[in-house]
Protein backbone atom coordinates (compact mmCIF):
# COMPACT_ATOMS: atom_id res chain seq x y z
CA ARG A 1 29.04 38.78 20.21
CA ARG A 2 31.32 35.64 19.64
CA GLU A 3 33.08 37.62 16.67
CA VAL A 4 33.48 40.68 19.17
CA ALA A 5 34.94 38.37 21.55
CA ARG A 6 37.13 36.77 19.43
CA MET A 7 38.34 40.24 17.98
CA GLU A 8 38.98 41.62 21.47
CA ILE A 9 41.44 38.48 22.36
CA ALA A 10 43.15 39.18 19.23
CA TYR A 11 43.66 42.86 20.38
CA HIS A 12 44.88 41.66 23.89
CA VAL A 13 47.29 39.32 22.53
CA LEU A 14 48.49 42.13 20.08
CA SER A 15 48.87 44.52 22.90
CA LEU A 16 50.54 41.85 25.18
CA VAL A 17 53.40 41.46 22.23
CA ASP A 18 53.40 45.26 21.92
CA GLY A 19 54.18 45.68 25.57
CA ILE A 20 56.65 42.67 25.43
CA ALA A 21 58.51 44.51 22.69
CA THR A 22 58.26 47.68 24.03
CA ILE A 23 60.21 46.51 27.25
CA HIS A 24 62.74 44.89 25.22
CA CYS A 25 63.39 47.70 23.28
CA VAL A 26 63.35 50.21 25.89
CA SER A 27 65.47 48.06 28.16
CA ARG A 28 68.06 47.68 25.62
CA ARG A 29 68.02 51.74 24.97
CA THR A 30 67.78 50.94 21.12
CA CYS A 31 64.48 53.05 20.59
CA LYS A 32 62.04 55.38 22.42
CA GLU A 33 58.37 54.87 22.91
CA LEU A 34 56.11 57.02 21.27
CA ASN A 35 53.03 56.63 23.26
CA PRO A 36 52.61 60.20 25.03
CA LEU A 37 50.87 58.14 28.05
CA MET A 38 54.15 56.12 28.64
CA GLY A 39 56.90 58.58 28.14
CA SER A 40 59.82 58.04 25.96
CA ARG A 41 61.81 55.66 28.46
CA PRO A 42 59.04 53.91 30.38
CA SER A 43 59.57 51.47 33.24
CA VAL A 44 58.36 47.86 33.18
CA LEU A 45 55.60 48.59 35.62
CA ARG A 46 54.45 51.65 33.86
CA VAL A 47 54.13 49.69 30.29
CA ILE A 48 52.36 46.93 32.25
CA GLY A 49 49.99 49.58 33.77
CA VAL A 50 49.00 51.44 30.75
CA LYS A 51 48.40 48.24 28.92
CA ALA A 52 46.18 46.80 31.66
CA LEU A 53 44.29 49.83 31.99
CA ALA A 54 43.78 50.15 27.88
CA GLY A 55 42.68 46.67 28.13
CA PHE A 56 40.19 47.18 31.16
CA PHE A 57 38.75 50.34 29.37
CA LEU A 58 38.44 48.66 26.06
CA HIS A 59 36.53 45.44 27.42
CA ARG A 60 34.00 47.71 29.42
CA SER A 61 33.34 49.94 26.45
CA VAL A 62 33.10 47.19 23.97
CA ASN A 63 30.70 45.43 26.26
CA ARG A 64 28.55 48.25 26.97
CA MET A 65 28.56 48.96 23.04
CA ALA A 66 27.87 45.51 21.97
CA GLU A 67 24.60 45.54 24.51
CA LYS A 68 23.25 48.66 22.71
CA ASN A 69 24.25 48.10 19.13
CA PRO A 70 26.51 44.72 18.33
CA TYR A 71 27.03 46.27 14.83
CA ARG A 72 28.96 49.09 16.44
CA ALA A 73 30.64 46.88 18.60
CA ARG A 74 32.06 44.59 15.65
CA SER A 75 33.11 47.69 13.63
CA PHE A 76 35.13 49.10 16.30
CA MET A 77 36.97 46.15 17.48
CA ARG A 78 37.86 45.79 13.56
CA ILE A 79 39.16 48.92 13.40
CA GLY A 80 41.04 48.28 16.71
CA VAL A 81 42.51 45.21 15.87
CA VAL A 82 43.91 46.73 12.77
CA VAL A 83 45.44 49.69 14.52
CA GLN A 84 46.81 47.53 17.16
CA ALA A 85 48.26 45.21 14.75
CA ALA A 86 49.76 48.07 12.83
CA ILE A 87 51.23 49.40 16.15
CA THR A 88 52.72 46.08 17.50
CA GLY A 89 54.21 45.57 13.88
CA PHE A 90 55.94 49.01 13.79
CA THR A 91 57.37 48.08 17.69
CA MET A 92 58.47 44.58 16.32
CA ARG A 93 60.27 46.07 13.58
CA THR A 94 62.24 48.69 15.75
CA SER A 95 62.64 46.23 18.57
CA PHE A 96 64.41 43.12 16.82
């Protein structure tokens, strides 16, 4: 469970950095958002809302998964952190 919690924290930190970079990039009009939930030019409130909801649902689903099958929760979070790191890296590359 501790490993899953650490990976979840890493995911949320990456998501926060991605959100900040998205807001920075979109506010300067140097890029377009590719996430269909946000639209191409999301407002700050929309970015915060989508990130908060995604984080909430991730937290709930991982906790439920960890209760039933800790191995599956760990694998799920490993994949999630790798994907979020790739997304954050792409956003940082295009933002700055």
